[in-house]
Amino acid sequence: MFKLEPHLTEVLKGSATTFVLKMFGMGLGYVVISLIAMRGGAEGVGAYSLIQSLLQFLSLLAMMGMNNAILKYSASSVSNEGLSKLRGYYSFSLSRAVTLSLLVAVILCLLSGPLSHWLDGGEKYQFYLYLVAVALPLSVLLLISVEVLRGLSEIKLSEWFRSININLLNVCVFLGAGLVLYPDPVLSYILAVLASSLLCLYVLYTRLKGVTAGLLCKEERRDYLAVSYPMYVTALCTYLLPHSAIFIIQYFLKGSDVGVYSLCLKLSLLVGMVLLVFNTMLAPKLARMHVCGQPMNDLIGKSSLTMTLLSAFIGLFFIVFAEQVLALWGEDFIRGSLLLRVLVLAQVINSTFGIAGTLLNMTGHQSVVRWASILTLIVNVALLWVFVPIYGIEAAGIGVLTNALLMNSVLASYVYFRLDIKIWPSVRLLNV
C-alpha cells in the first residue's frame, strides 16, 4: 500500500493549508477578472493582464534572484545566530534590489511614451506605465519579504501575502470605487500592491524585532550573489515562458486576444497550482534535508506521484468542460477553448516533473536549471514570433506545451542520470 513517511506527511499537511489559501486567492483573482470582463470585455481583461504581467516581470528583473536565494538561506536560519545572519542577508537583498528597481522605474518613465505607442494604448497606457514605475520598488520589497516568511516556516502568512492580500484589496477598492464612479482596474491593482507591501513589511518587522542584522563579509556577499544569479535567470525565464506570449500577442494581434489568452492561462494555473502548493513546502524542506545529508528519494518519488494524480484530476475537468467554463466570463472568451485545453495539458506535465527544478535549485545545481531555462525560453520566443501571426492564440498554447516537454525532460533526465534520483517512485518505494 502507499505508505506515508514523516517528511511527506509534513509536506502534505502544509500543502493542505497552502492549497486552501491559494484557492481563496485565485478565486478572488477570478472575481477581479469577472468584474473587468463585465464592464470592459476581453479588451479590458487584456489591458489589465498586460500591465499586471509587466509589473511582475520588472519585479523579477530588479530582484536579481535574491527572493529565491534568501528562501534557501532562511530555511536553515532557526537559531538566534542564524536569524541575525538572515536579517543581514535580508538587508543586503533589499539594498541591492530596491536600488535597481528605482533605476528601472526611472527608465520606464523615460520610455513611457514610445512604449505606450508600441502597445497601441495612447495616453491611457502611458499613465499605466507611470503607475507601474511607482509600484515597482514596493513590489520588490513584498516579493522578497514573502520568501523570508516562507523560509521561516510562516507558511500561512507568506501565502496570505502571496496569494490573497493583493486580490482581496483589489476587489475591495474596485467595488468601493464602483459605488461612485467607473473604477480603473489597473489603478485599483496598483493601490493593492502598495498597501500589501507596507503591511507585509510591518509583519516581517515584528517577526524579526530584536534581531540585530549580522554583518556580511565580502566572501558571504559574493557567495550569496553566486547563488542568486543562476536563480535570477531561471526565475525570469520561467516567468516569461507562458507570459511572453502576452506581449507578442499584443504586438501581432489585438487586445481582446490578450484577454482571451490571459484568462485561459489563469484558468490553467488552477492545474499548475498543485505544483505551486507542493513547492511551497518542498523547497525549504529539500534545502534542510540537503544540508543535513538526509536521503530524499522517497519524498521526491511519492510527492511526484501525488502531484500527478491531483493535477490530472483537475485538468480532466477543464479539458471536458472548456467551453462551459469560459462561457462564465462571456461569449468573447469561448473561442479560447482549444487554447485552454492545450495550456492545461502543459500544466499537468509541469506538475508531473516540476519537482526536478525545485530539487536542483535547493541542492546547489541551480546553474543546470538556468541553462535549461535559457534554452527553453529561446525556443519559446522563436516559436511564438513565427507562428502567432499565422495561427493566432492557439500557437501560443502549442509553444507553452512544447517548452513544458523540453524543459521538464532535460531537468528530469539530469536528476536521474547525475544525482541518481528518480522523479517517479519505484514499486519498492510505494511499498506495494
Protein backbone atom coordinates (compact mmCIF):
# COMPACT_ATOMS: atom_id res chain seq x y z
CA MET A 1 0.00 0.00 0.00
CA PHE A 2 1.00 3.64 -0.40
CA LYS A 3 2.71 4.32 2.94
CA LEU A 4 3.26 7.87 4.16
CA GLU A 5 6.64 8.64 5.67
CA PRO A 6 7.21 11.54 8.11
CA HIS A 7 8.68 14.02 5.61
CA LEU A 8 5.84 13.50 3.13
CA THR A 9 3.28 13.78 5.93
CA GLU A 10 4.75 17.16 6.89
CA VAL A 11 4.66 18.32 3.27
CA LEU A 12 1.04 17.18 2.80
CA LYS A 13 -0.14 18.89 5.98
CA GLY A 14 1.49 22.15 4.99
CA SER A 15 0.32 21.76 1.41
CA ALA A 16 -3.30 21.38 2.51
CA THR A 17 -3.16 24.77 4.23
CA THR A 18 -1.40 26.32 1.26
CA PHE A 19 -3.95 24.79 -1.11
CA VAL A 20 -6.86 26.43 0.74
CA LEU A 21 -5.13 29.81 0.80
CA LYS A 22 -4.15 29.65 -2.86
CA MET A 23 -7.66 28.57 -3.86
CA PHE A 24 -9.11 31.52 -2.00
CA GLY A 25 -6.58 33.89 -3.57
CA MET A 26 -7.14 32.54 -7.08
CA GLY A 27 -10.90 32.75 -6.54
CA LEU A 28 -10.53 36.42 -5.71
CA GLY A 29 -8.40 36.81 -8.84
CA TYR A 30 -11.19 35.34 -10.95
CA VAL A 31 -13.64 37.73 -9.29
CA VAL A 32 -11.43 40.63 -10.41
CA ILE A 33 -11.31 39.27 -13.97
CA SER A 34 -15.10 38.78 -13.94
CA LEU A 35 -15.69 42.36 -12.82
CA ILE A 36 -13.39 43.67 -15.54
CA ALA A 37 -14.97 41.43 -18.19
CA MET A 38 -18.46 42.61 -17.25
CA ARG A 39 -17.50 46.21 -17.97
CA GLY A 40 -14.68 46.04 -20.47
CA GLY A 41 -14.98 42.62 -22.12
CA ALA A 42 -11.93 40.79 -23.44
CA GLU A 43 -10.30 44.12 -24.33
CA GLY A 44 -10.43 45.29 -20.71
CA VAL A 45 -9.10 41.98 -19.42
CA GLY A 46 -6.27 42.23 -21.93
CA ALA A 47 -5.17 45.69 -20.76
CA TYR A 48 -5.28 44.67 -17.10
CA SER A 49 -3.34 41.45 -17.72
CA LEU A 50 -0.72 43.24 -19.78
CA ILE A 51 0.06 45.78 -17.05
CA GLN A 52 -0.04 43.12 -14.33
CA SER A 53 2.42 40.96 -16.29
CA LEU A 54 4.71 43.95 -16.88
CA LEU A 55 4.90 44.77 -13.15
CA GLN A 56 5.57 41.15 -12.26
CA PHE A 57 8.29 40.84 -14.90
CA LEU A 58 10.04 44.08 -13.91
CA SER A 59 9.90 43.00 -10.25
CA LEU A 60 11.66 39.75 -11.11
CA LEU A 61 14.18 41.71 -13.17
CA ALA A 62 15.01 44.03 -10.28
CA MET A 63 15.26 41.32 -7.59
CA MET A 64 18.20 39.60 -9.33
CA GLY A 65 17.14 36.21 -7.96
CA MET A 66 17.56 37.30 -4.34
CA ASN A 67 14.00 36.31 -3.46
CA ASN A 68 14.85 32.68 -4.27
CA ALA A 69 18.33 32.84 -2.72
CA ILE A 70 17.05 34.21 0.57
CA LEU A 71 14.48 31.41 0.74
CA LYS A 72 17.32 28.91 0.63
CA TYR A 73 19.24 30.73 3.37
CA SER A 74 16.25 31.44 5.61
CA ALA A 75 15.17 27.78 5.56
CA SER A 76 18.17 26.88 7.74
CA SER A 77 18.08 30.01 9.96
CA VAL A 78 16.39 28.68 13.08
CA SER A 79 18.82 29.77 15.83
CA ASN A 80 19.26 33.34 17.09
CA GLU A 81 22.63 33.47 15.35
CA GLY A 82 21.02 32.22 12.17
CA LEU A 83 18.25 34.85 12.39
CA SER A 84 20.85 37.55 12.83
CA LYS A 85 22.63 36.38 9.68
CA LEU A 86 19.28 36.13 7.89
CA ARG A 87 18.46 39.73 8.71
CA GLY A 88 21.84 40.67 7.31
CA TYR A 89 21.05 38.88 4.06
CA TYR A 90 17.59 40.47 4.03
CA SER A 91 19.01 43.99 4.42
CA PHE A 92 21.63 43.28 1.76
CA SER A 93 18.96 41.96 -0.65
CA LEU A 94 16.69 44.96 -0.16
CA SER A 95 19.51 47.47 -0.60
CA ARG A 96 20.51 45.94 -3.93
CA ALA A 97 17.07 45.05 -5.29
CA VAL A 98 15.24 48.24 -4.31
CA THR A 99 18.06 50.36 -5.73
CA LEU A 100 17.87 48.52 -9.04
CA SER A 101 14.07 48.78 -9.04
CA LEU A 102 14.32 52.57 -8.68
CA LEU A 103 16.68 52.67 -11.66
CA VAL A 104 14.31 50.51 -13.72
CA ALA A 105 11.39 52.74 -12.68
CA VAL A 106 13.19 55.87 -13.90
CA ILE A 107 14.00 54.20 -17.23
CA LEU A 108 10.36 53.10 -17.56
CA CYS A 109 9.14 56.66 -17.03
CA LEU A 110 11.56 57.98 -19.65
CA LEU A 111 10.44 55.35 -22.17
CA SER A 112 6.73 55.52 -21.32
CA GLY A 113 5.88 57.48 -24.45
CA PRO A 114 7.44 55.11 -27.01
CA LEU A 115 6.29 52.05 -25.06
CA SER A 116 2.67 53.22 -24.89
CA HIS A 117 2.79 53.85 -28.64
CA TRP A 118 4.21 50.36 -29.24
CA LEU A 119 1.46 48.89 -27.08
CA ASP A 120 -1.06 50.91 -29.11
CA GLY A 121 -2.61 52.27 -25.92
CA GLY A 122 -2.03 56.01 -26.17
CA GLU A 123 -2.13 58.28 -23.12
CA LYS A 124 -4.01 55.73 -21.02
CA TYR A 125 -1.17 53.21 -21.30
CA GLN A 126 1.38 55.92 -20.60
CA PHE A 127 -0.45 56.65 -17.33
CA TYR A 128 -0.43 52.91 -16.54
CA LEU A 129 3.33 52.77 -17.11
CA TYR A 130 3.80 55.61 -14.62
CA LEU A 131 1.75 53.61 -12.10
CA VAL A 132 3.97 50.57 -12.66
CA ALA A 133 7.06 52.70 -12.06
CA VAL A 134 5.64 53.95 -8.74
CA ALA A 135 4.67 50.46 -7.56
CA LEU A 136 7.85 48.67 -8.65
CA PRO A 137 10.10 49.28 -5.58
CA LEU A 138 7.37 48.23 -3.15
CA SER A 139 6.51 45.20 -5.27
CA VAL A 140 10.14 44.09 -4.99
CA LEU A 141 10.06 44.62 -1.23
CA LEU A 142 6.90 42.50 -0.98
CA LEU A 143 8.22 39.56 -3.01
CA ILE A 144 11.50 39.33 -1.06
CA SER A 145 9.74 39.66 2.31
CA VAL A 146 7.26 36.93 1.41
CA GLU A 147 10.10 34.48 0.73
CA VAL A 148 11.69 35.25 4.10
CA LEU A 149 8.40 34.42 5.84
CA ARG A 150 8.15 31.24 3.81
CA GLY A 151 11.70 30.17 4.71
CA LEU A 152 10.92 30.78 8.39
CA SER A 153 8.02 28.31 8.07
CA GLU A 154 5.43 31.10 8.37
CA ILE A 155 3.52 29.40 5.57
CA LYS A 156 0.11 30.87 6.33
CA LEU A 157 1.44 34.41 6.47
CA SER A 158 3.57 34.05 3.36
CA GLU A 159 0.70 32.59 1.34
CA TRP A 160 -1.69 35.24 2.61
CA PHE A 161 0.54 37.98 1.20
CA ARG A 162 1.49 35.99 -1.92
CA SER A 163 -1.95 34.74 -2.94
CA ILE A 164 -4.73 36.60 -1.14
CA ASN A 165 -3.97 40.08 0.14
CA ILE A 166 -3.45 41.86 -3.20
CA ASN A 167 -6.52 40.28 -4.81
CA LEU A 168 -8.66 40.93 -1.72
CA LEU A 169 -7.68 44.59 -1.55
CA ASN A 170 -8.10 44.86 -5.31
CA VAL A 171 -11.68 43.60 -5.13
CA CYS A 172 -12.47 45.94 -2.23
CA VAL A 173 -11.02 49.01 -3.96
CA PHE A 174 -12.63 48.10 -7.28
CA LEU A 175 -16.07 47.54 -5.78
CA GLY A 176 -15.79 50.52 -3.43
CA ALA A 177 -14.85 52.87 -6.26
CA GLY A 178 -17.63 51.39 -8.38
CA LEU A 179 -20.22 52.80 -6.00
CA VAL A 180 -19.44 56.37 -7.04
CA LEU A 181 -17.65 56.16 -10.41
CA TYR A 182 -16.29 53.79 -13.06
CA PRO A 183 -13.27 52.16 -11.36
CA ASP A 184 -9.99 51.71 -13.19
CA PRO A 185 -8.88 48.08 -12.58
CA VAL A 186 -5.20 48.88 -13.14
CA LEU A 187 -5.27 51.72 -10.61
CA SER A 188 -7.02 49.55 -8.02
CA TYR A 189 -4.45 46.79 -8.60
CA ILE A 190 -1.52 49.17 -8.10
CA LEU A 191 -3.05 50.54 -4.88
CA ALA A 192 -3.50 46.96 -3.62
CA VAL A 193 0.17 46.18 -4.33
CA LEU A 194 1.32 49.27 -2.44
CA ALA A 195 -0.84 48.52 0.61
CA SER A 196 0.15 44.83 0.68
CA SER A 197 3.86 45.69 0.53
CA LEU A 198 3.69 48.02 3.51
CA LEU A 199 1.61 45.58 5.53
CA CYS A 200 3.97 42.66 4.80
CA LEU A 201 6.97 44.78 5.76
CA TYR A 202 5.33 45.54 9.11
CA VAL A 203 4.56 41.86 9.77
CA LEU A 204 8.12 40.79 8.98
CA TYR A 205 9.48 43.60 11.14
CA THR A 206 7.52 42.28 14.13
CA ARG A 207 8.77 38.74 13.39
CA LEU A 208 12.43 39.83 13.38
CA LYS A 209 12.07 42.51 16.04
CA GLY A 210 15.01 42.46 18.44
CA VAL A 211 17.22 40.56 15.99
CA THR A 212 20.31 42.55 15.03
CA ALA A 213 21.33 42.37 11.41
CA GLY A 214 24.53 40.37 11.11
CA LEU A 215 27.38 41.83 9.15
CA LEU A 216 28.21 40.00 5.94
CA CYS A 217 31.82 39.65 4.96
CA LYS A 218 32.94 40.04 1.37
CA GLU A 219 33.04 36.27 0.82
CA GLU A 220 29.49 35.82 2.16
CA ARG A 221 28.13 38.54 -0.11
CA ARG A 222 29.95 37.03 -3.07
CA ASP A 223 28.68 33.52 -2.32
CA TYR A 224 25.14 34.86 -1.87
CA LEU A 225 25.22 36.60 -5.24
CA ALA A 226 26.72 33.47 -6.81
CA VAL A 227 23.67 31.52 -5.60
CA SER A 228 21.15 34.19 -6.59
CA TYR A 229 22.42 34.77 -10.15
CA PRO A 230 21.50 31.38 -11.64
CA MET A 231 18.14 31.54 -9.82
CA TYR A 232 17.68 35.04 -11.22
CA VAL A 233 18.00 33.85 -14.79
CA THR A 234 15.84 30.82 -14.06
CA ALA A 235 13.07 32.90 -12.47
CA LEU A 236 12.99 35.32 -15.41
CA CYS A 237 12.88 32.51 -17.95
CA THR A 238 10.27 30.53 -16.02
CA TYR A 239 8.00 33.57 -15.81
CA LEU A 240 8.49 34.54 -19.45
CA LEU A 241 7.79 31.05 -20.81
CA PRO A 242 3.99 31.42 -20.51
CA HIS A 243 3.79 35.22 -20.13
CA SER A 244 5.97 36.30 -23.08
CA ALA A 245 3.03 35.31 -25.27
CA ILE A 246 1.03 38.19 -23.76
CA PHE A 247 3.46 40.78 -25.15
CA ILE A 248 3.83 39.01 -28.51
CA ILE A 249 0.06 38.64 -28.91
CA GLN A 250 -0.36 42.34 -28.06
CA TYR A 251 2.19 43.21 -30.76
CA PHE A 252 0.89 40.98 -33.56
CA LEU A 253 -2.82 40.61 -32.80
CA LYS A 254 -5.16 42.74 -30.65
CA GLY A 255 -6.06 43.48 -27.06
CA SER A 256 -9.06 41.15 -26.98
CA ASP A 257 -6.77 38.24 -27.94
CA VAL A 258 -4.55 39.14 -24.98
CA GLY A 259 -7.64 39.00 -22.78
CA VAL A 260 -8.64 35.54 -24.02
CA TYR A 261 -5.11 34.16 -23.64
CA SER A 262 -4.71 35.68 -20.18
CA LEU A 263 -7.95 34.16 -18.91
CA CYS A 264 -7.05 30.73 -20.31
CA LEU A 265 -3.60 30.98 -18.72
CA LYS A 266 -5.08 31.92 -15.33
CA LEU A 267 -7.56 29.04 -15.51
CA SER A 268 -4.83 26.56 -16.45
CA LEU A 269 -2.89 27.70 -13.38
CA LEU A 270 -5.57 26.02 -11.28
CA VAL A 271 -3.95 22.81 -12.52
CA GLY A 272 -0.44 24.22 -12.09
CA MET A 273 -1.42 25.24 -8.56
CA VAL A 274 -0.76 21.65 -7.50
CA LEU A 275 2.95 22.13 -8.21
CA LEU A 276 2.99 25.60 -6.65
CA VAL A 277 1.34 24.34 -3.47
CA PHE A 278 3.73 21.40 -3.06
CA ASN A 279 6.76 23.54 -3.89
CA THR A 280 5.82 25.99 -1.15
CA MET A 281 6.50 23.24 1.38
CA LEU A 282 9.02 21.17 -0.59
CA ALA A 283 11.55 23.92 -1.38
CA PRO A 284 12.58 24.75 2.21
CA LYS A 285 12.15 21.08 3.19
CA LEU A 286 14.55 19.88 0.48
CA ALA A 287 17.05 22.63 1.37
CA ARG A 288 17.11 21.49 5.01
CA MET A 289 17.35 17.78 4.08
CA HIS A 290 20.23 18.54 1.72
CA VAL A 291 22.14 20.44 4.42
CA CYS A 292 21.58 17.58 6.89
CA GLY A 293 22.54 14.91 4.34
CA GLN A 294 19.18 13.10 4.56
CA PRO A 295 18.03 10.86 1.68
CA MET A 296 15.33 12.44 -0.50
CA ASN A 297 14.35 9.69 -2.95
CA ASP A 298 11.29 8.56 -1.04
CA LEU A 299 9.91 12.06 -0.51
CA ILE A 300 10.51 13.12 -4.12
CA GLY A 301 9.01 9.99 -5.68
CA LYS A 302 5.83 9.99 -3.64
CA SER A 303 5.39 13.76 -3.94
CA SER A 304 5.65 13.50 -7.74
CA LEU A 305 3.06 10.74 -7.88
CA THR A 306 0.66 12.70 -5.67
CA MET A 307 1.08 15.85 -7.77
CA THR A 308 0.49 13.94 -10.99
CA LEU A 309 -2.75 12.37 -9.79
CA LEU A 310 -4.13 15.63 -8.40
CA SER A 311 -3.24 17.72 -11.46
CA ALA A 312 -4.63 15.10 -13.87
CA PHE A 313 -7.91 15.03 -11.94
CA ILE A 314 -8.30 18.82 -12.05
CA GLY A 315 -7.07 19.01 -15.64
CA LEU A 316 -9.61 16.47 -16.86
CA PHE A 317 -12.43 18.76 -15.72
CA PHE A 318 -11.14 21.69 -17.79
CA ILE A 319 -10.48 19.51 -20.83
CA VAL A 320 -14.05 18.16 -20.82
CA PHE A 321 -15.85 21.40 -19.91
CA ALA A 322 -13.61 24.04 -21.51
CA GLU A 323 -16.42 25.82 -23.40
CA GLN A 324 -18.76 25.89 -20.42
CA VAL A 325 -16.08 27.26 -18.09
CA LEU A 326 -15.04 30.05 -20.49
CA ALA A 327 -18.67 30.99 -21.11
CA LEU A 328 -18.87 32.12 -17.49
CA TRP A 329 -16.81 35.19 -18.48
CA GLY A 330 -18.81 35.94 -21.63
CA GLU A 331 -19.14 34.81 -25.24
CA ASP A 332 -15.95 36.66 -26.22
CA PHE A 333 -13.89 34.06 -24.37
CA ILE A 334 -15.41 30.81 -25.70
CA ARG A 335 -13.11 30.86 -28.74
CA GLY A 336 -10.23 30.07 -26.39
CA SER A 337 -11.49 26.54 -25.59
CA LEU A 338 -8.77 24.75 -27.60
CA LEU A 339 -6.13 27.06 -26.13
CA LEU A 340 -7.33 26.26 -22.61
CA ARG A 341 -7.09 22.51 -23.23
CA VAL A 342 -3.52 22.81 -24.51
CA LEU A 343 -2.42 25.02 -21.59
CA VAL A 344 -3.99 22.61 -19.11
CA LEU A 345 -2.06 19.71 -20.62
CA ALA A 346 1.16 21.72 -20.27
CA GLN A 347 0.40 22.31 -16.59
CA VAL A 348 -0.17 18.59 -15.99
CA ILE A 349 3.28 17.91 -17.46
CA ASN A 350 4.78 20.61 -15.22
CA SER A 351 3.17 19.07 -12.13
CA THR A 352 4.40 15.62 -13.08
CA PHE A 353 8.08 16.52 -13.46
CA GLY A 354 8.34 20.03 -11.99
CA ILE A 355 9.87 18.88 -8.72
CA ALA A 356 13.14 18.34 -10.61
CA GLY A 357 13.74 22.08 -10.93
CA THR A 358 12.97 22.69 -7.26
CA LEU A 359 15.32 19.90 -6.22
CA LEU A 360 18.18 21.23 -8.33
CA ASN A 361 17.72 24.81 -7.10
CA MET A 362 17.70 23.77 -3.45
CA THR A 363 20.72 21.44 -3.69
CA GLY A 364 23.30 23.65 -5.37
CA HIS A 365 22.61 22.70 -9.02
CA GLN A 366 20.83 25.92 -9.94
CA SER A 367 23.15 26.53 -12.91
CA VAL A 368 21.66 23.48 -14.66
CA VAL A 369 18.17 24.92 -14.27
CA ARG A 370 19.47 28.26 -15.53
CA TRP A 371 20.83 26.90 -18.81
CA ALA A 372 17.79 24.70 -19.37
CA SER A 373 15.56 27.74 -18.81
CA ILE A 374 17.54 29.90 -21.24
CA LEU A 375 17.40 27.22 -23.94
CA THR A 376 13.68 26.71 -23.47
CA LEU A 377 12.93 30.45 -23.50
CA ILE A 378 14.83 30.95 -26.76
CA VAL A 379 12.88 28.13 -28.38
CA ASN A 380 9.63 29.53 -26.95
CA VAL A 381 10.10 33.09 -28.23
CA ALA A 382 11.16 31.81 -31.67
CA LEU A 383 8.07 29.62 -31.95
CA LEU A 384 5.75 32.40 -30.83
CA TRP A 385 7.30 35.01 -33.11
CA VAL A 386 6.93 32.77 -36.15
CA PHE A 387 3.58 31.08 -35.55
CA VAL A 388 1.41 33.54 -33.56
CA PRO A 389 0.97 35.91 -36.57
CA ILE A 390 -0.09 32.90 -38.68
CA TYR A 391 -2.16 30.71 -36.35
CA GLY A 392 -3.20 33.15 -33.62
CA ILE A 393 -3.51 32.48 -29.90
CA GLU A 394 -3.62 28.69 -30.34
CA ALA A 395 0.02 28.86 -31.45
CA ALA A 396 0.88 30.40 -28.09
CA GLY A 397 -0.62 27.39 -26.33
CA ILE A 398 1.34 24.96 -28.52
CA GLY A 399 4.51 26.89 -27.69
CA VAL A 400 3.88 26.58 -23.94
CA LEU A 401 3.19 22.84 -24.28
CA THR A 402 6.32 22.24 -26.40
CA ASN A 403 8.51 24.02 -23.91
CA ALA A 404 6.98 22.24 -20.93
CA LEU A 405 8.01 18.97 -22.57
CA LEU A 406 11.51 20.25 -23.41
CA MET A 407 12.27 21.85 -20.03
CA ASN A 408 10.98 19.02 -17.87
CA SER A 409 12.60 16.24 -19.89
CA VAL A 410 16.01 17.93 -19.63
CA LEU A 411 15.80 18.52 -15.87
CA ALA A 412 14.30 15.13 -15.01
CA SER A 413 16.99 13.38 -17.06
CA TYR A 414 19.75 15.31 -15.27
CA VAL A 415 18.30 14.44 -11.85
CA TYR A 416 18.13 10.75 -12.78
CA PHE A 417 21.50 10.32 -14.51
CA ARG A 418 23.63 12.72 -12.43
CA LEU A 419 22.01 12.65 -8.99
CA ASP A 420 20.65 9.10 -9.19
CA ILE A 421 17.22 10.25 -8.00
CA LYS A 422 14.01 9.06 -9.64
CA ILE A 423 11.34 11.68 -10.12
CA TRP A 424 8.74 8.93 -10.13
CA PRO A 425 8.69 6.32 -7.33
CA SER A 426 9.53 2.69 -7.84
CA VAL A 427 7.31 -0.18 -6.68
CA ARG A 428 9.62 -0.59 -3.69
CA LEU A 429 9.10 2.99 -2.59
CA LEU A 430 5.35 2.63 -2.84
CA ASN A 431 5.52 -0.38 -0.53
CA VAL A 432 3.06 -2.25 -2.73
